[in-house]
Structures are given as C-alpha cells and as structure tokens.
Amino acid sequence: SGLAHMLAISGLHMALFAGSVYALLRPLAAMISRLVLRRDVRKPSALISLAAATGYLSLSGAGVATQRAYIMLAIFFLAILLDRPAITMRNVLWAALLVLLWQPYAVLQAGFQMSFSAVMALVAVYEAWRQRDTLYVRWERMSLMQQILRRFWRYASALFVTSLIAGSVTGFIAIVRFQQVGTFGLPANLLAMPLFGTLIMPMAPLSLLLMPVGLEKPILYLMQTGIERVLAVAGYFTALTGALW
C-alpha cells in the first residue's frame, strides 16, 4: 500500500514523538509567568524533548534510520539552543557524516539511501518554499474564517507535496533495490498520514504524561482508533487491482 515506512522507526516517528513533547511543553511552560517573562521557554523545552528523543532512540533498537533521525533531531534542538536556523541542508550533511563515521557500511543499505534521499529532497524543497512564503505578512488582514481555511489548505498542500516528494524519491530507490513499488502509495499516504500525525504519534507522549494519574485510557483509545483506520486504508489500497507494480 506504500505505507510500510510507518513501521520503520525513523525521522517521521522521531520528529512526531519528540516534536509532540516539545509542543506540549511550550504552552505548559508559558503558563508559568515568572519563567516565561525571564527565560526563553523554547530552550528548556528543547532540552527535555532531546532527552525524550534519547529515550525513544534506546527503546527503538537504534537502527540506522533511527540514528540518522536522532542526530538530525539533536542538531535541530541544538540549533534552537544556539538561536540558529534548525532545518537546513547543512544539518542533513552533519547527520550523514556522523552516521557514516559510526557505521561506514550503512551507505550500502537501502534504509540509509531511502532515508537520506527523502530528507535531502524535502529540505531542498522547503528551503526554497520558505524563502517565498509570505502568508504571515498578510495574516493580520485575514478574517478568522480565512485564517482557518488557510491553515487547512497549508496543511493539506504540505501533506500532498511531502508525500509526493518523499514517495517519488524512495519509490525510485525501491524500484532499483527491490524491483517493485506500491502503485497507490500517494493516495494511501494522503489518507493515512493525517491519522498518523494527529491520532497516533502525538498520543504516545500524552498517554505517558497521563499514566501516573490513571487518565491514559481515553488517549490510548484514540491511538487505537487511529491505528485501526490506518490499517483499513492499507487494506483497501492493497486489495485494489495492480496495487503492486
């Protein structure tokens, strides 16, 4: 179905897990007036999120794709600590260099090739897109409904572009390495990724936060619902004629 990348603990999982921790910590820190008025709350949030990512790395078994994701994420949070731009091609280069210094043979593995090719393509496109993005210059002139619709459009278009770019690059490598590719990978990702990014991965750190007080069951139910819907999407596209080319 083109959704097997969800099973590989790599950049997607690491970014959503640690990013969810970061997204939860920032508003919590902002509630403490003394802290938010005297300190940049992004920096302690980044440190705690990096610690969470380190724990996730150890739990995952630290495969090559996970190492790459962790190194890139560590560079991302380090950039926040140093007040530097976080998402750049230079960070991809550092991640590749560190992984290859640790495991030089990884360059021959399909996981390394798919992982870095997808990230390089995405960073290149979004670096160019960010330079031309003028939405927030016009933000204050929009009505509330226009802002909501614009945010929805940005999410949908970004999801489409991300799925198209990553799917095209990794699909080419899949053809070369495995002589096969999922024909309906793009529409499957367009349906499954919003579920993965809202009902599955963010619920994992949230459930961990609520476990000490026994309130994790509703969150885990949402996570289960998301997983079941993703499996339904995968099953639907796999059953179509010509699903594997």
C-alpha atoms as a PDB file:
ATOM      1  CA  SER A   1       0.000   0.000   0.000  1.00  0.00           C
ATOM      2  CA  GLY A   2       3.020   2.322   0.216  1.00  0.00           C
ATOM      3  CA  LEU A   3       2.627   2.735   3.992  1.00  0.00           C
ATOM      4  CA  ALA A   4       5.437   0.429   5.150  1.00  0.00           C
ATOM      5  CA  HIS A   5       7.548   3.461   6.057  1.00  0.00           C
ATOM      6  CA  MET A   6       5.272   3.871   9.103  1.00  0.00           C
ATOM      7  CA  LEU A   7       6.763   0.660  10.518  1.00  0.00           C
ATOM      8  CA  ALA A   8      10.358   1.930  10.284  1.00  0.00           C
ATOM      9  CA  ILE A   9      11.242   3.951  13.384  1.00  0.00           C
ATOM     10  CA  SER A  10      12.946   6.816  11.571  1.00  0.00           C
ATOM     11  CA  GLY A  11      12.566  10.544  11.030  1.00  0.00           C
ATOM     12  CA  LEU A  12       8.775  10.519  10.933  1.00  0.00           C
ATOM     13  CA  HIS A  13       8.370   8.771  14.303  1.00  0.00           C
ATOM     14  CA  MET A  14      11.231  10.592  15.987  1.00  0.00           C
ATOM     15  CA  ALA A  15      10.078  14.018  14.832  1.00  0.00           C
ATOM     16  CA  LEU A  16       6.443  13.389  15.767  1.00  0.00           C
ATOM     17  CA  PHE A  17       7.325  11.922  19.176  1.00  0.00           C
ATOM     18  CA  ALA A  18       9.918  14.500  20.249  1.00  0.00           C
ATOM     19  CA  GLY A  19       8.031  17.256  18.421  1.00  0.00           C
ATOM     20  CA  SER A  20       4.868  16.371  20.347  1.00  0.00           C
ATOM     21  CA  VAL A  21       6.801  16.566  23.624  1.00  0.00           C
ATOM     22  CA  TYR A  22       8.152  19.963  22.560  1.00  0.00           C
ATOM     23  CA  ALA A  23       4.679  21.143  21.512  1.00  0.00           C
ATOM     24  CA  LEU A  24       3.211  20.054  24.872  1.00  0.00           C
ATOM     25  CA  LEU A  25       5.980  21.609  26.961  1.00  0.00           C
ATOM     26  CA  ARG A  26       5.930  25.081  25.405  1.00  0.00           C
ATOM     27  CA  PRO A  27       2.344  26.010  26.382  1.00  0.00           C
ATOM     28  CA  LEU A  28       2.832  24.379  29.807  1.00  0.00           C
ATOM     29  CA  ALA A  29       5.960  26.480  30.379  1.00  0.00           C
ATOM     30  CA  ALA A  30       4.165  29.582  29.109  1.00  0.00           C
ATOM     31  CA  MET A  31       1.613  29.200  31.942  1.00  0.00           C
ATOM     32  CA  ILE A  32       4.346  29.963  34.494  1.00  0.00           C
ATOM     33  CA  SER A  33       4.533  33.753  34.268  1.00  0.00           C
ATOM     34  CA  ARG A  34       7.851  34.097  36.127  1.00  0.00           C
ATOM     35  CA  LEU A  35       9.506  31.620  33.793  1.00  0.00           C
ATOM     36  CA  VAL A  36       8.121  32.946  30.523  1.00  0.00           C
ATOM     37  CA  LEU A  37       8.954  36.586  31.392  1.00  0.00           C
ATOM     38  CA  ARG A  38      12.564  35.848  32.373  1.00  0.00           C
ATOM     39  CA  ARG A  39      13.570  32.926  30.153  1.00  0.00           C
ATOM     40  CA  ASP A  40      13.178  31.748  26.585  1.00  0.00           C
ATOM     41  CA  VAL A  41      10.927  28.732  27.275  1.00  0.00           C
ATOM     42  CA  ARG A  42      11.894  27.161  23.953  1.00  0.00           C
ATOM     43  CA  LYS A  43      15.336  26.241  25.298  1.00  0.00           C
ATOM     44  CA  PRO A  44      14.375  24.153  28.360  1.00  0.00           C
ATOM     45  CA  SER A  45      11.595  22.629  26.249  1.00  0.00           C
ATOM     46  CA  ALA A  46      14.198  21.681  23.630  1.00  0.00           C
ATOM     47  CA  LEU A  47      16.471  20.084  26.252  1.00  0.00           C
ATOM     48  CA  ILE A  48      13.666  17.966  27.726  1.00  0.00           C
ATOM     49  CA  SER A  49      12.482  16.994  24.232  1.00  0.00           C
ATOM     50  CA  LEU A  50      16.019  15.911  23.344  1.00  0.00           C
ATOM     51  CA  ALA A  51      16.092  13.735  26.477  1.00  0.00           C
ATOM     52  CA  ALA A  52      12.762  12.198  25.413  1.00  0.00           C
ATOM     53  CA  ALA A  53      14.187  11.529  21.940  1.00  0.00           C
ATOM     54  CA  THR A  54      17.222   9.849  23.529  1.00  0.00           C
ATOM     55  CA  GLY A  55      14.951   7.528  25.488  1.00  0.00           C
ATOM     56  CA  TYR A  56      12.969   6.783  22.336  1.00  0.00           C
ATOM     57  CA  LEU A  57      16.216   6.000  20.488  1.00  0.00           C
ATOM     58  CA  SER A  58      17.236   3.450  23.137  1.00  0.00           C
ATOM     59  CA  LEU A  59      13.779   1.821  23.132  1.00  0.00           C
ATOM     60  CA  SER A  60      13.721   1.548  19.336  1.00  0.00           C
ATOM     61  CA  GLY A  61      16.898  -0.516  18.995  1.00  0.00           C
ATOM     62  CA  ALA A  62      18.822   2.348  17.337  1.00  0.00           C
ATOM     63  CA  GLY A  63      18.692   1.251  13.689  1.00  0.00           C
ATOM     64  CA  VAL A  64      20.479   3.282  11.017  1.00  0.00           C
ATOM     65  CA  ALA A  65      17.384   5.278  10.067  1.00  0.00           C
ATOM     66  CA  THR A  66      16.669   5.955  13.745  1.00  0.00           C
ATOM     67  CA  GLN A  67      20.271   7.071  14.335  1.00  0.00           C
ATOM     68  CA  ARG A  68      20.027   9.464  11.398  1.00  0.00           C
ATOM     69  CA  ALA A  69      16.741  10.822  12.682  1.00  0.00           C
ATOM     70  CA  TYR A  70      18.105  11.219  16.205  1.00  0.00           C
ATOM     71  CA  ILE A  71      21.236  13.019  15.038  1.00  0.00           C
ATOM     72  CA  MET A  72      19.206  15.377  12.864  1.00  0.00           C
ATOM     73  CA  LEU A  73      16.771  15.999  15.708  1.00  0.00           C
ATOM     74  CA  ALA A  74      19.638  16.624  18.138  1.00  0.00           C
ATOM     75  CA  ILE A  75      21.090  19.155  15.689  1.00  0.00           C
ATOM     76  CA  PHE A  76      17.609  20.692  15.361  1.00  0.00           C
ATOM     77  CA  PHE A  77      17.246  21.177  19.127  1.00  0.00           C
ATOM     78  CA  LEU A  78      20.867  22.330  19.418  1.00  0.00           C
ATOM     79  CA  ALA A  79      20.107  24.992  16.816  1.00  0.00           C
ATOM     80  CA  ILE A  80      17.190  26.187  18.973  1.00  0.00           C
ATOM     81  CA  LEU A  81      19.532  26.387  21.971  1.00  0.00           C
ATOM     82  CA  LEU A  82      22.047  28.401  19.926  1.00  0.00           C
ATOM     83  CA  ASP A  83      19.404  30.605  18.227  1.00  0.00           C
ATOM     84  CA  ARG A  84      20.317  29.274  14.791  1.00  0.00           C
ATOM     85  CA  PRO A  85      18.072  28.090  11.901  1.00  0.00           C
ATOM     86  CA  ALA A  86      17.218  24.454  12.528  1.00  0.00           C
ATOM     87  CA  ILE A  87      16.103  22.925   9.217  1.00  0.00           C
ATOM     88  CA  THR A  88      18.961  23.300   6.729  1.00  0.00           C
ATOM     89  CA  MET A  89      20.857  21.107   4.301  1.00  0.00           C
ATOM     90  CA  ARG A  90      23.936  21.584   6.492  1.00  0.00           C
ATOM     91  CA  ASN A  91      22.192  19.661   9.266  1.00  0.00           C
ATOM     92  CA  VAL A  92      21.483  16.803   6.843  1.00  0.00           C
ATOM     93  CA  LEU A  93      25.184  16.753   5.950  1.00  0.00           C
ATOM     94  CA  TRP A  94      26.229  16.585   9.619  1.00  0.00           C
ATOM     95  CA  ALA A  95      23.793  13.738  10.249  1.00  0.00           C
ATOM     96  CA  ALA A  96      25.095  11.763   7.255  1.00  0.00           C
ATOM     97  CA  LEU A  97      28.718  12.381   8.269  1.00  0.00           C
ATOM     98  CA  LEU A  98      28.191  11.246  11.864  1.00  0.00           C
ATOM     99  CA  VAL A  99      26.245   8.120  10.855  1.00  0.00           C
ATOM    100  CA  LEU A 100      28.908   7.137   8.309  1.00  0.00           C
ATOM    101  CA  LEU A 101      31.724   7.730  10.783  1.00  0.00           C
ATOM    102  CA  TRP A 102      29.929   5.366  13.164  1.00  0.00           C
ATOM    103  CA  GLN A 103      28.810   2.811  10.541  1.00  0.00           C
ATOM    104  CA  PRO A 104      30.567   3.328   7.160  1.00  0.00           C
ATOM    105  CA  TYR A 105      28.853   0.275   5.638  1.00  0.00           C
ATOM    106  CA  ALA A 106      25.451   1.929   6.120  1.00  0.00           C
ATOM    107  CA  VAL A 107      25.857   3.759   2.807  1.00  0.00           C
ATOM    108  CA  LEU A 108      25.174   0.445   1.038  1.00  0.00           C
ATOM    109  CA  GLN A 109      21.891  -0.162   2.891  1.00  0.00           C
ATOM    110  CA  ALA A 110      18.526   0.624   1.328  1.00  0.00           C
ATOM    111  CA  GLY A 111      17.314   2.214   4.579  1.00  0.00           C
ATOM    112  CA  PHE A 112      20.170   4.728   4.581  1.00  0.00           C
ATOM    113  CA  GLN A 113      19.691   5.548   0.908  1.00  0.00           C
ATOM    114  CA  MET A 114      15.921   5.988   1.196  1.00  0.00           C
ATOM    115  CA  SER A 115      16.140   7.926   4.425  1.00  0.00           C
ATOM    116  CA  PHE A 116      18.729  10.474   3.338  1.00  0.00           C
ATOM    117  CA  SER A 117      17.453  10.870  -0.205  1.00  0.00           C
ATOM    118  CA  ALA A 118      13.948  11.663   1.071  1.00  0.00           C
ATOM    119  CA  VAL A 119      15.220  14.101   3.704  1.00  0.00           C
ATOM    120  CA  MET A 120      17.548  15.870   1.259  1.00  0.00           C
ATOM    121  CA  ALA A 121      14.751  16.300  -1.281  1.00  0.00           C
ATOM    122  CA  LEU A 122      12.294  17.575   1.344  1.00  0.00           C
ATOM    123  CA  VAL A 123      14.760  20.014   2.924  1.00  0.00           C
ATOM    124  CA  ALA A 124      15.747  21.356  -0.511  1.00  0.00           C
ATOM    125  CA  VAL A 125      12.112  21.958  -1.486  1.00  0.00           C
ATOM    126  CA  TYR A 126      11.076  23.510   1.815  1.00  0.00           C
ATOM    127  CA  GLU A 127      14.144  25.743   1.996  1.00  0.00           C
ATOM    128  CA  ALA A 128      13.091  27.194  -1.363  1.00  0.00           C
ATOM    129  CA  TRP A 129       9.416  27.344  -0.278  1.00  0.00           C
ATOM    130  CA  ARG A 130      10.241  29.132   2.976  1.00  0.00           C
ATOM    131  CA  GLN A 131      12.053  31.911   1.100  1.00  0.00           C
ATOM    132  CA  ARG A 132       8.894  32.606  -0.916  1.00  0.00           C
ATOM    133  CA  ASP A 133       6.369  32.191   1.904  1.00  0.00           C
ATOM    134  CA  THR A 134       4.596  35.493   2.506  1.00  0.00           C
ATOM    135  CA  LEU A 135       1.456  34.204   4.246  1.00  0.00           C
ATOM    136  CA  TYR A 136       2.221  35.600   7.698  1.00  0.00           C
ATOM    137  CA  VAL A 137       2.888  39.036   6.224  1.00  0.00           C
ATOM    138  CA  ARG A 138      -0.823  39.105   5.296  1.00  0.00           C
ATOM    139  CA  TRP A 139      -2.079  37.143   8.324  1.00  0.00           C
ATOM    140  CA  GLU A 140      -3.472  40.079  10.325  1.00  0.00           C
ATOM    141  CA  ARG A 141      -5.554  41.274   7.373  1.00  0.00           C
ATOM    142  CA  MET A 142      -7.470  37.976   7.193  1.00  0.00           C
ATOM    143  CA  SER A 143     -10.738  37.166   8.933  1.00  0.00           C
ATOM    144  CA  LEU A 144     -10.934  34.257  11.384  1.00  0.00           C
ATOM    145  CA  MET A 145     -12.602  32.025   8.782  1.00  0.00           C
ATOM    146  CA  GLN A 146      -9.953  32.922   6.201  1.00  0.00           C
ATOM    147  CA  GLN A 147      -7.219  32.045   8.702  1.00  0.00           C
ATOM    148  CA  ILE A 148      -8.842  28.660   9.465  1.00  0.00           C
ATOM    149  CA  LEU A 149      -9.302  27.841   5.772  1.00  0.00           C
ATOM    150  CA  ARG A 150      -5.757  28.989   5.008  1.00  0.00           C
ATOM    151  CA  ARG A 151      -4.312  26.794   7.747  1.00  0.00           C
ATOM    152  CA  PHE A 152      -6.291  23.816   6.439  1.00  0.00           C
ATOM    153  CA  TRP A 153      -5.094  24.489   2.892  1.00  0.00           C
ATOM    154  CA  ARG A 154      -1.479  24.806   4.041  1.00  0.00           C
ATOM    155  CA  TYR A 155      -1.690  21.505   5.918  1.00  0.00           C
ATOM    156  CA  ALA A 156      -3.346  19.681   3.013  1.00  0.00           C
ATOM    157  CA  SER A 157      -0.979  21.086   0.382  1.00  0.00           C
ATOM    158  CA  ALA A 158       2.107  20.459   2.548  1.00  0.00           C
ATOM    159  CA  LEU A 159       0.963  16.877   3.140  1.00  0.00           C
ATOM    160  CA  PHE A 160       0.436  16.374  -0.595  1.00  0.00           C
ATOM    161  CA  VAL A 161       3.815  17.863  -1.546  1.00  0.00           C
ATOM    162  CA  THR A 162       5.640  15.952   1.215  1.00  0.00           C
ATOM    163  CA  SER A 163       4.036  12.635   0.232  1.00  0.00           C
ATOM    164  CA  LEU A 164       4.691  13.261  -3.463  1.00  0.00           C
ATOM    165  CA  ILE A 165       8.354  14.191  -3.000  1.00  0.00           C
ATOM    166  CA  ALA A 166       9.251  11.521  -0.431  1.00  0.00           C
ATOM    167  CA  GLY A 167       7.239   8.863  -2.283  1.00  0.00           C
ATOM    168  CA  SER A 168       8.838   9.678  -5.625  1.00  0.00           C
ATOM    169  CA  VAL A 169      12.405   9.603  -4.295  1.00  0.00           C
ATOM    170  CA  THR A 170      12.030   6.479  -2.164  1.00  0.00           C
ATOM    171  CA  GLY A 171       9.879   4.837  -4.858  1.00  0.00           C
ATOM    172  CA  PHE A 172      12.742   5.167  -7.338  1.00  0.00           C
ATOM    173  CA  ILE A 173      15.150   3.530  -4.887  1.00  0.00           C
ATOM    174  CA  ALA A 174      12.579   0.791  -4.186  1.00  0.00           C
ATOM    175  CA  ILE A 175      12.419   0.024  -7.911  1.00  0.00           C
ATOM    176  CA  VAL A 176      16.219  -0.154  -8.143  1.00  0.00           C
ATOM    177  CA  ARG A 177      16.728  -2.172  -4.948  1.00  0.00           C
ATOM    178  CA  PHE A 178      13.594  -4.345  -4.790  1.00  0.00           C
ATOM    179  CA  GLN A 179      12.194  -4.161  -8.365  1.00  0.00           C
ATOM    180  CA  GLN A 180       8.744  -3.176  -7.043  1.00  0.00           C
ATOM    181  CA  VAL A 181       6.774  -0.154  -5.874  1.00  0.00           C
ATOM    182  CA  GLY A 182       3.338   0.481  -4.380  1.00  0.00           C
ATOM    183  CA  THR A 183       1.176   1.933  -7.162  1.00  0.00           C
ATOM    184  CA  PHE A 184      -1.244   3.744  -4.821  1.00  0.00           C
ATOM    185  CA  GLY A 185       1.311   4.978  -2.306  1.00  0.00           C
ATOM    186  CA  LEU A 186       0.422   8.662  -2.788  1.00  0.00           C
ATOM    187  CA  PRO A 187      -3.350   8.449  -2.145  1.00  0.00           C
ATOM    188  CA  ALA A 188      -2.747   5.959   0.700  1.00  0.00           C
ATOM    189  CA  ASN A 189      -0.360   8.396   2.372  1.00  0.00           C
ATOM    190  CA  LEU A 190      -2.726  11.328   1.870  1.00  0.00           C
ATOM    191  CA  LEU A 191      -5.416   9.421   3.791  1.00  0.00           C
ATOM    192  CA  ALA A 192      -3.219   7.738   6.411  1.00  0.00           C
ATOM    193  CA  MET A 193      -0.713  10.440   7.341  1.00  0.00           C
ATOM    194  CA  PRO A 194      -3.216  12.880   8.925  1.00  0.00           C
ATOM    195  CA  LEU A 195      -4.329   9.996  11.171  1.00  0.00           C
ATOM    196  CA  PHE A 196      -0.725   9.097  11.950  1.00  0.00           C
ATOM    197  CA  GLY A 197       0.204  12.687  12.727  1.00  0.00           C
ATOM    198  CA  THR A 198      -2.824  13.505  14.910  1.00  0.00           C
ATOM    199  CA  LEU A 199      -4.311  10.352  16.460  1.00  0.00           C
ATOM    200  CA  ILE A 200      -1.298   8.041  16.759  1.00  0.00           C
ATOM    201  CA  MET A 201       2.140   9.543  17.410  1.00  0.00           C
ATOM    202  CA  PRO A 202       1.151  12.641  19.471  1.00  0.00           C
ATOM    203  CA  MET A 203      -1.000  10.423  21.687  1.00  0.00           C
ATOM    204  CA  ALA A 204       2.049   8.360  22.721  1.00  0.00           C
ATOM    205  CA  PRO A 205       3.836  11.043  24.823  1.00  0.00           C
ATOM    206  CA  LEU A 206       0.484  12.406  26.007  1.00  0.00           C
ATOM    207  CA  SER A 207      -0.512   8.972  27.332  1.00  0.00           C
ATOM    208  CA  LEU A 208       2.851   8.717  29.119  1.00  0.00           C
ATOM    209  CA  LEU A 209       2.189  12.030  30.861  1.00  0.00           C
ATOM    210  CA  LEU A 210      -1.268  10.884  31.989  1.00  0.00           C
ATOM    211  CA  MET A 211      -0.299   7.358  33.128  1.00  0.00           C
ATOM    212  CA  PRO A 212       0.833   8.403  36.652  1.00  0.00           C
ATOM    213  CA  VAL A 213      -2.671   9.769  37.360  1.00  0.00           C
ATOM    214  CA  GLY A 214      -4.519   6.920  35.618  1.00  0.00           C
ATOM    215  CA  LEU A 215      -6.062   9.026  32.833  1.00  0.00           C
ATOM    216  CA  GLU A 216      -4.354   7.429  29.844  1.00  0.00           C
ATOM    217  CA  LYS A 217      -7.211   5.146  28.694  1.00  0.00           C
ATOM    218  CA  PRO A 218      -9.142   7.721  26.592  1.00  0.00           C
ATOM    219  CA  ILE A 219      -5.873   8.786  24.932  1.00  0.00           C
ATOM    220  CA  LEU A 220      -4.908   5.187  24.163  1.00  0.00           C
ATOM    221  CA  TYR A 221      -8.405   4.617  22.776  1.00  0.00           C
ATOM    222  CA  LEU A 222      -7.856   7.494  20.335  1.00  0.00           C
ATOM    223  CA  MET A 223      -4.479   5.985  19.425  1.00  0.00           C
ATOM    224  CA  GLN A 224      -6.097   2.576  18.835  1.00  0.00           C
ATOM    225  CA  THR A 225      -8.760   4.200  16.649  1.00  0.00           C
ATOM    226  CA  GLY A 226      -6.075   5.876  14.551  1.00  0.00           C
ATOM    227  CA  ILE A 227      -4.141   2.622  14.112  1.00  0.00           C
ATOM    228  CA  GLU A 228      -7.291   0.763  13.062  1.00  0.00           C
ATOM    229  CA  ARG A 229      -8.134   3.448  10.488  1.00  0.00           C
ATOM    230  CA  VAL A 230      -4.598   3.339   9.056  1.00  0.00           C
ATOM    231  CA  LEU A 231      -4.829  -0.449   8.745  1.00  0.00           C
ATOM    232  CA  ALA A 232      -8.175  -0.028   6.997  1.00  0.00           C
ATOM    233  CA  VAL A 233      -6.602   2.399   4.497  1.00  0.00           C
ATOM    234  CA  ALA A 234      -3.714  -0.035   3.881  1.00  0.00           C
ATOM    235  CA  GLY A 235      -6.123  -2.931   3.418  1.00  0.00           C
ATOM    236  CA  TYR A 236      -8.286  -1.003   0.974  1.00  0.00           C
ATOM    237  CA  PHE A 237      -5.456   0.021  -1.337  1.00  0.00           C
ATOM    238  CA  THR A 238      -3.743  -3.371  -1.138  1.00  0.00           C
ATOM    239  CA  ALA A 239      -6.932  -5.042  -2.334  1.00  0.00           C
ATOM    240  CA  LEU A 240      -7.114  -2.886  -5.483  1.00  0.00           C
ATOM    241  CA  THR A 241      -6.072  -4.400  -8.811  1.00  0.00           C
ATOM    242  CA  GLY A 242      -2.474  -3.528  -9.669  1.00  0.00           C
ATOM    243  CA  ALA A 243      -1.598  -2.347  -6.147  1.00  0.00           C
ATOM    244  CA  LEU A 244       1.982  -3.608  -6.544  1.00  0.00           C
ATOM    245  CA  TRP A 245       3.905  -2.736  -9.688  1.00  0.00           C
END
